[in-house]
PDB file of N, CA and C in Angstrom:
ATOM      1  N   MET A   1      79.278  56.424  62.940  1.00  0.00           N
ATOM      2  CA  MET A   1      80.066  55.591  62.054  1.00  0.00           C
ATOM      3  C   MET A   1      81.130  54.899  62.895  1.00  0.00           C
ATOM      4  N   GLN A   2      81.218  53.571  62.771  1.00  0.00           N
ATOM      5  CA  GLN A   2      82.219  52.811  63.500  1.00  0.00           C
ATOM      6  C   GLN A   2      83.302  52.376  62.532  1.00  0.00           C
ATOM      7  N   PHE A   3      84.533  52.379  63.077  1.00  0.00           N
ATOM      8  CA  PHE A   3      85.690  51.971  62.262  1.00  0.00           C
ATOM      9  C   PHE A   3      86.252  50.687  62.846  1.00  0.00           C
ATOM     10  N   THR A   4      86.595  49.780  61.951  1.00  0.00           N
ATOM     11  CA  THR A   4      87.112  48.482  62.399  1.00  0.00           C
ATOM     12  C   THR A   4      88.620  48.508  62.593  1.00  0.00           C
ATOM     13  N   SER A   5      89.306  49.489  62.017  1.00  0.00           N
ATOM     14  CA  SER A   5      90.761  49.576  62.173  1.00  0.00           C
ATOM     15  C   SER A   5      91.181  51.053  62.087  1.00  0.00           C
ATOM     16  N   VAL A   6      92.439  51.267  62.381  1.00  0.00           N
ATOM     17  CA  VAL A   6      92.985  52.633  62.323  1.00  0.00           C
ATOM     18  C   VAL A   6      93.015  53.108  60.878  1.00  0.00           C
ATOM     19  N   SER A   7      93.318  52.227  59.952  1.00  0.00           N
ATOM     20  CA  SER A   7      93.363  52.640  58.546  1.00  0.00           C
ATOM     21  C   SER A   7      91.965  53.031  58.046  1.00  0.00           C
ATOM     22  N   ASP A   8      90.935  52.340  58.527  1.00  0.00           N
ATOM     23  CA  ASP A   8      89.563  52.740  58.182  1.00  0.00           C
ATOM     24  C   ASP A   8      89.236  54.119  58.763  1.00  0.00           C
ATOM     25  N   PHE A   9      89.726  54.359  59.983  1.00  0.00           N
ATOM     26  CA  PHE A   9      89.498  55.664  60.606  1.00  0.00           C
ATOM     27  C   PHE A   9      90.174  56.765  59.800  1.00  0.00           C
ATOM     28  N   LEU A  10      91.429  56.507  59.383  1.00  0.00           N
ATOM     29  CA  LEU A  10      92.148  57.513  58.603  1.00  0.00           C
ATOM     30  C   LEU A  10      91.532  57.702  57.218  1.00  0.00           C
ATOM     31  N   ALA A  11      90.981  56.635  56.643  1.00  0.00           N
ATOM     32  CA  ALA A  11      90.378  56.720  55.307  1.00  0.00           C
ATOM     33  C   ALA A  11      89.044  57.456  55.350  1.00  0.00           C
ATOM     34  N   MET A  12      88.359  57.433  56.480  1.00  0.00           N
ATOM     35  CA  MET A  12      87.075  58.124  56.662  1.00  0.00           C
ATOM     36  C   MET A  12      86.080  57.809  55.543  1.00  0.00           C
ATOM     37  N   GLY A  13      86.000  56.555  55.215  1.00  0.00           N
ATOM     38  CA  GLY A  13      85.027  56.129  54.217  1.00  0.00           C
ATOM     39  C   GLY A  13      85.308  56.699  52.834  1.00  0.00           C
ATOM     40  N   GLY A  14      86.585  56.906  52.529  1.00  0.00           N
ATOM     41  CA  GLY A  14      86.950  57.431  51.213  1.00  0.00           C
ATOM     42  C   GLY A  14      87.099  58.943  51.178  1.00  0.00           C
ATOM     43  N   TYR A  15      86.765  59.634  52.262  1.00  0.00           N
ATOM     44  CA  TYR A  15      86.860  61.097  52.315  1.00  0.00           C
ATOM     45  C   TYR A  15      87.968  61.571  53.253  1.00  0.00           C
ATOM     46  N   GLY A  16      88.824  60.662  53.625  1.00  0.00           N
ATOM     47  CA  GLY A  16      89.899  60.961  54.581  1.00  0.00           C
ATOM     48  C   GLY A  16      90.780  62.117  54.154  1.00  0.00           C
ATOM     49  N   PHE A  17      91.142  62.167  52.879  1.00  0.00           N
ATOM     50  CA  PHE A  17      92.011  63.230  52.385  1.00  0.00           C
ATOM     51  C   PHE A  17      91.377  64.591  52.675  1.00  0.00           C
ATOM     52  N   TYR A  18      90.124  64.759  52.363  1.00  0.00           N
ATOM     53  CA  TYR A  18      89.434  66.036  52.535  1.00  0.00           C
ATOM     54  C   TYR A  18      89.219  66.364  54.017  1.00  0.00           C
ATOM     55  N   VAL A  19      88.890  65.323  54.775  1.00  0.00           N
ATOM     56  CA  VAL A  19      88.655  65.530  56.210  1.00  0.00           C
ATOM     57  C   VAL A  19      89.934  65.962  56.901  1.00  0.00           C
ATOM     58  N   TRP A  20      91.018  65.192  56.667  1.00  0.00           N
ATOM     59  CA  TRP A  20      92.277  65.502  57.341  1.00  0.00           C
ATOM     60  C   TRP A  20      92.906  66.780  56.799  1.00  0.00           C
ATOM     61  N   LEU A  21      92.701  67.057  55.534  1.00  0.00           N
ATOM     62  CA  LEU A  21      93.186  68.320  54.975  1.00  0.00           C
ATOM     63  C   LEU A  21      92.484  69.494  55.652  1.00  0.00           C
ATOM     64  N   SER A  22      91.180  69.390  55.834  1.00  0.00           N
ATOM     65  CA  SER A  22      90.447  70.481  56.488  1.00  0.00           C
ATOM     66  C   SER A  22      90.882  70.638  57.950  1.00  0.00           C
ATOM     67  N   TYR A  23      91.111  69.529  58.651  1.00  0.00           N
ATOM     68  CA  TYR A  23      91.627  69.620  60.012  1.00  0.00           C
ATOM     69  C   TYR A  23      93.019  70.268  60.021  1.00  0.00           C
ATOM     70  N   GLY A  24      93.860  69.858  59.111  1.00  0.00           N
ATOM     71  CA  GLY A  24      95.220  70.409  59.043  1.00  0.00           C
ATOM     72  C   GLY A  24      95.224  71.898  58.741  1.00  0.00           C
ATOM     73  N   VAL A  25      94.425  72.299  57.767  1.00  0.00           N
ATOM     74  CA  VAL A  25      94.357  73.717  57.418  1.00  0.00           C
ATOM     75  C   VAL A  25      93.809  74.515  58.594  1.00  0.00           C
ATOM     76  N   SER A  26      92.786  73.991  59.252  1.00  0.00           N
ATOM     77  CA  SER A  26      92.215  74.682  60.409  1.00  0.00           C
ATOM     78  C   SER A  26      93.237  74.817  61.532  1.00  0.00           C
ATOM     79  N   ALA A  27      93.949  73.749  61.818  1.00  0.00           N
ATOM     80  CA  ALA A  27      94.966  73.781  62.868  1.00  0.00           C
ATOM     81  C   ALA A  27      96.075  74.770  62.506  1.00  0.00           C
ATOM     82  N   LEU A  28      96.505  74.761  61.250  1.00  0.00           N
ATOM     83  CA  LEU A  28      97.544  75.683  60.796  1.00  0.00           C
ATOM     84  C   LEU A  28      97.089  77.134  60.947  1.00  0.00           C
ATOM     85  N   LEU A  29      95.860  77.403  60.544  1.00  0.00           N
ATOM     86  CA  LEU A  29      95.336  78.764  60.656  1.00  0.00           C
ATOM     87  C   LEU A  29      95.226  79.209  62.116  1.00  0.00           C
ATOM     88  N   LEU A  30      94.808  78.291  62.979  1.00  0.00           N
ATOM     89  CA  LEU A  30      94.732  78.636  64.396  1.00  0.00           C
ATOM     90  C   LEU A  30      96.116  78.922  64.980  1.00  0.00           C
ATOM     91  N   ILE A  31      97.092  78.124  64.598  1.00  0.00           N
ATOM     92  CA  ILE A  31      98.471  78.341  65.063  1.00  0.00           C
ATOM     93  C   ILE A  31      98.990  79.680  64.547  1.00  0.00           C
ATOM     94  N   LEU A  32      98.752  79.962  63.270  1.00  0.00           N
ATOM     95  CA  LEU A  32      99.176  81.248  62.707  1.00  0.00           C
ATOM     96  C   LEU A  32      98.481  82.414  63.402  1.00  0.00           C
ATOM     97  N   LEU A  33      97.229  82.248  63.742  1.00  0.00           N
ATOM     98  CA  LEU A  33      96.492  83.293  64.449  1.00  0.00           C
ATOM     99  C   LEU A  33      97.113  83.562  65.815  1.00  0.00           C
ATOM    100  N   VAL A  34      97.464  82.516  66.535  1.00  0.00           N
ATOM    101  CA  VAL A  34      98.083  82.674  67.846  1.00  0.00           C
ATOM    102  C   VAL A  34      99.442  83.361  67.726  1.00  0.00           C
ATOM    103  N   VAL A  35     100.252  82.920  66.761  1.00  0.00           N
ATOM    104  CA  VAL A  35     101.577  83.513  66.570  1.00  0.00           C
ATOM    105  C   VAL A  35     101.447  84.986  66.173  1.00  0.00           C
ATOM    106  N   ALA A  36     100.569  85.278  65.230  1.00  0.00           N
ATOM    107  CA  ALA A  36     100.385  86.665  64.793  1.00  0.00           C
ATOM    108  C   ALA A  36      99.869  87.534  65.929  1.00  0.00           C
ATOM    109  N   SER A  37      98.975  87.003  66.733  1.00  0.00           N
ATOM    110  CA  SER A  37      98.441  87.758  67.869  1.00  0.00           C
ATOM    111  C   SER A  37      99.532  88.069  68.886  1.00  0.00           C
ATOM    112  N   LYS A  38     100.375  87.088  69.171  1.00  0.00           N
ATOM    113  CA  LYS A  38     101.475  87.316  70.116  1.00  0.00           C
ATOM    114  C   LYS A  38     102.448  88.350  69.587  1.00  0.00           C
ATOM    115  N   ARG A  39     102.778  88.270  68.302  1.00  0.00           N
ATOM    116  CA  ARG A  39     103.686  89.268  67.709  1.00  0.00           C
ATOM    117  C   ARG A  39     103.077  90.659  67.741  1.00  0.00           C
ATOM    118  N   GLN A  40     101.809  90.749  67.414  1.00  0.00           N
ATOM    119  CA  GLN A  40     101.138  92.046  67.427  1.00  0.00           C
ATOM    120  C   GLN A  40     101.058  92.591  68.855  1.00  0.00           C
ATOM    121  N   HIS A  41     100.781  91.727  69.811  1.00  0.00           N
ATOM    122  CA  HIS A  41     100.731  92.135  71.207  1.00  0.00           C
ATOM    123  C   HIS A  41     102.089  92.685  71.644  1.00  0.00           C
ATOM    124  N   THR A  42     103.162  91.990  71.288  1.00  0.00           N
ATOM    125  CA  THR A  42     104.504  92.443  71.627  1.00  0.00           C
ATOM    126  C   THR A  42     104.799  93.787  70.975  1.00  0.00           C
ATOM    127  N   ALA A  43     104.408  93.950  69.716  1.00  0.00           N
ATOM    128  CA  ALA A  43     104.639  95.215  69.019  1.00  0.00           C
ATOM    129  C   ALA A  43     103.853  96.351  69.665  1.00  0.00           C
ATOM    130  N   VAL A  44     102.639  96.083  70.072  1.00  0.00           N
ATOM    131  CA  VAL A  44     101.819  97.117  70.713  1.00  0.00           C
ATOM    132  C   VAL A  44     102.434  97.513  72.058  1.00  0.00           C
ATOM    133  N   ILE A  45     102.881  96.538  72.821  1.00  0.00           N
ATOM    134  CA  ILE A  45     103.511  96.823  74.109  1.00  0.00           C
ATOM    135  C   ILE A  45     104.765  97.661  73.904  1.00  0.00           C
ATOM    136  N   LYS A  46     105.586  97.322  72.915  1.00  0.00           N
ATOM    137  CA  LYS A  46     106.794  98.107  72.628  1.00  0.00           C
ATOM    138  C   LYS A  46     106.424  99.527  72.225  1.00  0.00           C
ATOM    139  N   HIS A  47     105.378  99.655  71.417  1.00  0.00           N
ATOM    140  CA  HIS A  47     104.930 100.976  70.978  1.00  0.00           C
ATOM    141  C   HIS A  47     104.447 101.798  72.175  1.00  0.00           C
ATOM    142  N   ILE A  48     103.709 101.174  73.070  1.00  0.00           N
ATOM    143  CA  ILE A  48     103.215 101.881  74.255  1.00  0.00           C
ATOM    144  C   ILE A  48     104.383 102.316  75.138  1.00  0.00           C
ATOM    145  N   LEU A  49     105.345 101.437  75.349  1.00  0.00           N
ATOM    146  CA  LEU A  49     106.501 101.781  76.173  1.00  0.00           C
ATOM    147  C   LEU A  49     107.300 102.927  75.556  1.00  0.00           C
ATOM    148  N   ALA A  50     107.483 102.883  74.233  1.00  0.00           N
ATOM    149  CA  ALA A  50     108.208 103.964  73.562  1.00  0.00           C
ATOM    150  C   ALA A  50     107.446 105.282  73.696  1.00  0.00           C
ATOM    151  N   ARG A  51     106.144 105.227  73.572  1.00  0.00           N
ATOM    152  CA  ARG A  51     105.329 106.442  73.689  1.00  0.00           C
ATOM    153  C   ARG A  51     105.392 107.006  75.110  1.00  0.00           C
ATOM    154  N   GLN A  52     105.313 106.126  76.106  1.00  0.00           N
ATOM    155  CA  GLN A  52     105.413 106.581  77.490  1.00  0.00           C
ATOM    156  C   GLN A  52     106.784 107.206  77.762  1.00  0.00           C
ATOM    157  N   LYS A  53     107.818 106.591  77.222  1.00  0.00           N
ATOM    158  CA  LYS A  53     109.171 107.114  77.406  1.00  0.00           C
ATOM    159  C   LYS A  53     109.283 108.502  76.775  1.00  0.00           C
ATOM    160  N   ARG A  54     108.732 108.653  75.569  1.00  0.00           N
ATOM    161  CA  ARG A  54     108.759 109.931  74.872  1.00  0.00           C
ATOM    162  C   ARG A  54     107.963 110.987  75.643  1.00  0.00           C
ATOM    163  N   GLU A  55     106.790 110.611  76.152  1.00  0.00           N
ATOM    164  CA  GLU A  55     105.964 111.546  76.918  1.00  0.00           C
ATOM    165  C   GLU A  55     106.647 111.957  78.221  1.00  0.00           C
ATOM    166  N   ASN A  56     107.327 111.012  78.867  1.00  0.00           N
ATOM    167  CA  ASN A  56     108.057 111.347  80.090  1.00  0.00           C
ATOM    168  C   ASN A  56     109.190 112.325  79.802  1.00  0.00           C
ATOM    169  N   LYS A  57     109.887 112.124  78.692  1.00  0.00           N
ATOM    170  CA  LYS A  57     110.954 113.054  78.313  1.00  0.00           C
ATOM    171  C   LYS A  57     110.379 114.441  78.053  1.00  0.00           C
ATOM    172  N   LEU A  58     109.230 114.505  77.387  1.00  0.00           N
ATOM    173  CA  LEU A  58     108.601 115.796  77.115  1.00  0.00           C
ATOM    174  C   LEU A  58     108.176 116.474  78.420  1.00  0.00           C
ATOM    175  N   ARG A  59     107.644 115.703  79.359  1.00  0.00           N
ATOM    176  CA  ARG A  59     107.255 116.274  80.647  1.00  0.00           C
ATOM    177  C   ARG A  59     108.471 116.819  81.395  1.00  0.00           C
ATOM    178  N   GLN A  60     109.558 116.042  81.380  1.00  0.00           N
ATOM    179  CA  GLN A  60     110.776 116.491  82.053  1.00  0.00           C
ATOM    180  C   GLN A  60     111.321 117.750  81.401  1.00  0.00           C
ATOM    181  N   ALA A  61     111.291 117.801  80.086  1.00  0.00           N
ATOM    182  CA  ALA A  61     111.765 118.985  79.379  1.00  0.00           C
ATOM    183  C   ALA A  61     110.901 120.197  79.719  1.00  0.00           C
ATOM    184  N   ALA A  62     109.588 119.992  79.821  1.00  0.00           N
ATOM    185  CA  ALA A  62     108.682 121.091  80.163  1.00  0.00           C
ATOM    186  C   ALA A  62     108.971 121.592  81.585  1.00  0.00           C
ATOM    187  N   VAL A  63     109.216 120.670  82.506  1.00  0.00           N
ATOM    188  CA  VAL A  63     109.526 121.051  83.883  1.00  0.00           C
ATOM    189  C   VAL A  63     110.837 121.831  83.918  1.00  0.00           C
ATOM    190  N   GLN A  64     111.839 121.354  83.201  1.00  0.00           N
ATOM    191  CA  GLN A  64     113.123 122.046  83.168  1.00  0.00           C
ATOM    192  C   GLN A  64     112.984 123.436  82.554  1.00  0.00           C
ATOM    193  N   GLN A  65     112.196 123.532  81.499  1.00  0.00           N
ATOM    194  CA  GLN A  65     111.992 124.823  80.850  1.00  0.00           C
ATOM    195  C   GLN A  65     111.291 125.786  81.800  1.00  0.00           C
ATOM    196  N   LYS A  66     110.311 125.292  82.542  1.00  0.00           N
ATOM    197  CA  LYS A  66     109.594 126.133  83.496  1.00  0.00           C
ATOM    198  C   LYS A  66     110.533 126.584  84.613  1.00  0.00           C
ATOM    199  N   GLN A  67     111.387 125.677  85.071  1.00  0.00           N
ATOM    200  CA  GLN A  67     112.355 126.039  86.109  1.00  0.00           C
ATOM    201  C   GLN A  67     113.320 127.110  85.599  1.00  0.00           C
ATOM    202  N   GLN A  68     113.770 126.967  84.359  1.00  0.00           N
ATOM    203  CA  GLN A  68     114.671 127.957  83.783  1.00  0.00           C
ATOM    204  C   GLN A  68     113.981 129.313  83.656  1.00  0.00           C
ATOM    205  N   GLN A  69     112.719 129.305  83.243  1.00  0.00           N
ATOM    206  CA  GLN A  69     111.978 130.553  83.129  1.00  0.00           C
ATOM    207  C   GLN A  69     111.819 131.204  84.499  1.00  0.00           C
ATOM    208  N   ASN A  70     111.522 130.394  85.515  1.00  0.00           N
ATOM    209  CA  ASN A  70     111.399 130.935  86.871  1.00  0.00           C
ATOM    210  C   ASN A  70     112.717 131.523  87.347  1.00  0.00           C
ATOM    211  N   GLN A  71     113.820 130.845  87.053  1.00  0.00           N
ATOM    212  CA  GLN A  71     115.130 131.359  87.441  1.00  0.00           C
ATOM    213  C   GLN A  71     115.417 132.675  86.737  1.00  0.00           C
ATOM    214  N   GLN A  72     115.098 132.747  85.455  1.00  0.00           N
ATOM    215  CA  GLN A  72     115.330 133.984  84.709  1.00  0.00           C
ATOM    216  C   GLN A  72     114.460 135.104  85.262  1.00  0.00           C
ATOM    217  N   GLN A  73     113.211 134.804  85.605  1.00  0.00           N
ATOM    218  CA  GLN A  73     112.334 135.821  86.178  1.00  0.00           C
ATOM    219  C   GLN A  73     112.853 136.280  87.532  1.00  0.00           C
ATOM    220  N   ASN A  74     113.336 135.334  88.336  1.00  0.00           N
ATOM    221  CA  ASN A  74     113.896 135.687  89.639  1.00  0.00           C
ATOM    222  C   ASN A  74     115.135 136.560  89.478  1.00  0.00           C
ATOM    223  N   GLN A  75     115.984 136.215  88.513  1.00  0.00           N
ATOM    224  CA  GLN A  75     117.187 137.016  88.270  1.00  0.00           C
ATOM    225  C   GLN A  75     116.807 138.408  87.791  1.00  0.00           C
ATOM    226  N   ALA A  76     115.811 138.485  86.908  1.00  0.00           N
ATOM    227  CA  ALA A  76     115.373 139.785  86.411  1.00  0.00           C
ATOM    228  C   ALA A  76     114.784 140.611  87.541  1.00  0.00           C
ATOM    229  N   SER A  77     114.013 139.981  88.413  1.00  0.00           N
ATOM    230  CA  SER A  77     113.439 140.686  89.569  1.00  0.00           C
ATOM    231  C   SER A  77     114.542 141.168  90.499  1.00  0.00           C
ATOM    232  N   ALA A  78     115.528 140.322  90.730  1.00  0.00           N
ATOM    233  CA  ALA A  78     116.639 140.704  91.598  1.00  0.00           C
ATOM    234  C   ALA A  78     117.405 141.868  91.002  1.00  0.00           C
ATOM    235  N   LEU A  79     117.642 141.843  89.705  1.00  0.00           N
ATOM    236  CA  LEU A  79     118.346 142.946  89.043  1.00  0.00           C
ATOM    237  C   LEU A  79     117.527 144.229  89.126  1.00  0.00           C
ATOM    238  N   ALA A  80     116.225 144.108  88.930  1.00  0.00           N
ATOM    239  CA  ALA A  80     115.355 145.286  89.007  1.00  0.00           C
ATOM    240  C   ALA A  80     115.352 145.838  90.436  1.00  0.00           C
ATOM    241  N   ASN A  81     115.305 144.972  91.416  1.00  0.00           N
ATOM    242  CA  ASN A  81     115.342 145.422  92.812  1.00  0.00           C
ATOM    243  C   ASN A  81     116.663 146.113  93.124  1.00  0.00           C
ATOM    244  N   ASN A  82     117.760 145.540  92.650  1.00  0.00           N
ATOM    245  CA  ASN A  82     119.068 146.150  92.861  1.00  0.00           C
ATOM    246  C   ASN A  82     119.141 147.508  92.183  1.00  0.00           C
ATOM    247  N   ALA A  83     118.597 147.588  90.979  1.00  0.00           N
ATOM    248  CA  ALA A  83     118.616 148.856  90.260  1.00  0.00           C
ATOM    249  C   ALA A  83     117.780 149.889  91.002  1.00  0.00           C
ATOM    250  N   ASN A  84     116.628 149.513  91.522  1.00  0.00           N
ATOM    251  CA  ASN A  84     115.777 150.426  92.296  1.00  0.00           C
ATOM    252  C   ASN A  84     116.486 150.878  93.565  1.00  0.00           C
ATOM    253  N   LEU A  85     117.180 149.961  94.230  1.00  0.00           N
ATOM    254  CA  LEU A  85     117.900 150.324  95.446  1.00  0.00           C
ATOM    255  C   LEU A  85     119.026 151.302  95.141  1.00  0.00           C
ATOM    256  N   GLU A  86     119.715 151.068  94.014  1.00  0.00           N
ATOM    257  CA  GLU A  86     120.797 151.974  93.640  1.00  0.00           C
ATOM    258  C   GLU A  86     120.255 153.355  93.314  1.00  0.00           C
ATOM    259  N   VAL A  87     119.114 153.410  92.630  1.00  0.00           N
ATOM    260  CA  VAL A  87     118.508 154.698  92.297  1.00  0.00           C
ATOM    261  C   VAL A  87     118.092 155.411  93.575  1.00  0.00           C
ATOM    262  N   LYS A  88     117.492 154.682  94.515  1.00  0.00           N
ATOM    263  CA  LYS A  88     117.097 155.286  95.781  1.00  0.00           C
ATOM    264  C   LYS A  88     118.311 155.762  96.553  1.00  0.00           C
ATOM    265  N   HIS A  89     119.363 154.961  96.515  1.00  0.00           N
ATOM    266  CA  HIS A  89     120.583 155.333  97.216  1.00  0.00           C
ATOM    267  C   HIS A  89     121.170 156.605  96.614  1.00  0.00           C
ATOM    268  N   VAL A  90     121.208 156.693  95.304  1.00  0.00           N
ATOM    269  CA  VAL A  90     121.705 157.885  94.633  1.00  0.00           C
ATOM    270  C   VAL A  90     120.809 159.079  94.945  1.00  0.00           C
ATOM    271  N   ASN A  91     119.507 158.887  94.910  1.00  0.00           N
ATOM    272  CA  ASN A  91     118.568 159.968  95.229  1.00  0.00           C
ATOM    273  C   ASN A  91     118.752 160.428  96.684  1.00  0.00           C
ATOM    274  N   ASP A  92     118.909 159.462  97.588  1.00  0.00           N
ATOM    275  CA  ASP A  92     119.109 159.809  99.000  1.00  0.00           C
ATOM    276  C   ASP A  92     120.423 160.547  99.174  1.00  0.00           C
ATOM    277  N   SER A  93     121.451 160.140  98.450  1.00  0.00           N
ATOM    278  CA  SER A  93     122.756 160.801  98.542  1.00  0.00           C
ATOM    279  C   SER A  93     122.644 162.227  98.011  1.00  0.00           C
ATOM    280  N   ASN A  94     121.914 162.426  96.936  1.00  0.00           N
ATOM    281  CA  ASN A  94     121.741 163.748  96.358  1.00  0.00           C
ATOM    282  C   ASN A  94     120.959 164.641  97.306  1.00  0.00           C
ATOM    283  N   GLU A  95     119.958 164.117  97.989  1.00  0.00           N
ATOM    284  CA  GLU A  95     119.161 164.914  98.913  1.00  0.00           C
ATOM    285  C   GLU A  95     119.983 165.298 100.136  1.00  0.00           C
ATOM    286  N   VAL A  96     120.826 164.405 100.609  1.00  0.00           N
ATOM    287  CA  VAL A  96     121.642 164.690 101.790  1.00  0.00           C
ATOM    288  C   VAL A  96     122.670 165.755 101.447  1.00  0.00           C
ATOM    289  N   SER A  97     123.267 165.686 100.270  1.00  0.00           N
ATOM    290  CA  SER A  97     124.297 166.646  99.898  1.00  0.00           C
ATOM    291  C   SER A  97     123.705 168.004  99.520  1.00  0.00           C
ATOM    292  N   SER A  98     122.443 168.087  99.225  1.00  0.00           N
ATOM    293  CA  SER A  98     121.838 169.355  98.849  1.00  0.00           C
ATOM    294  C   SER A  98     121.577 170.180  99.997  1.00  0.00           C
TER     295      SER A  98
END
């Protein structure tokens, strides 16, 4: 189809309203799709970063808890060793004095 003027092109043989409306709606929907996709992408990235931050905090807390447990076990072992040494010392003192 050839058009002799710009107004004929815009009129599209009497169907211009429907043609341009369909182009406009399509363009609008594509723009909305791009905007929605970018927003969703940003939200997903924020969610992933928050989750990683939370997981890192949990890992650090687990490491700290394990370190505290090791320290408590070491202290308990040291106390038990000291108690055993004191008992041996008392036993040795009793044997020497007997």
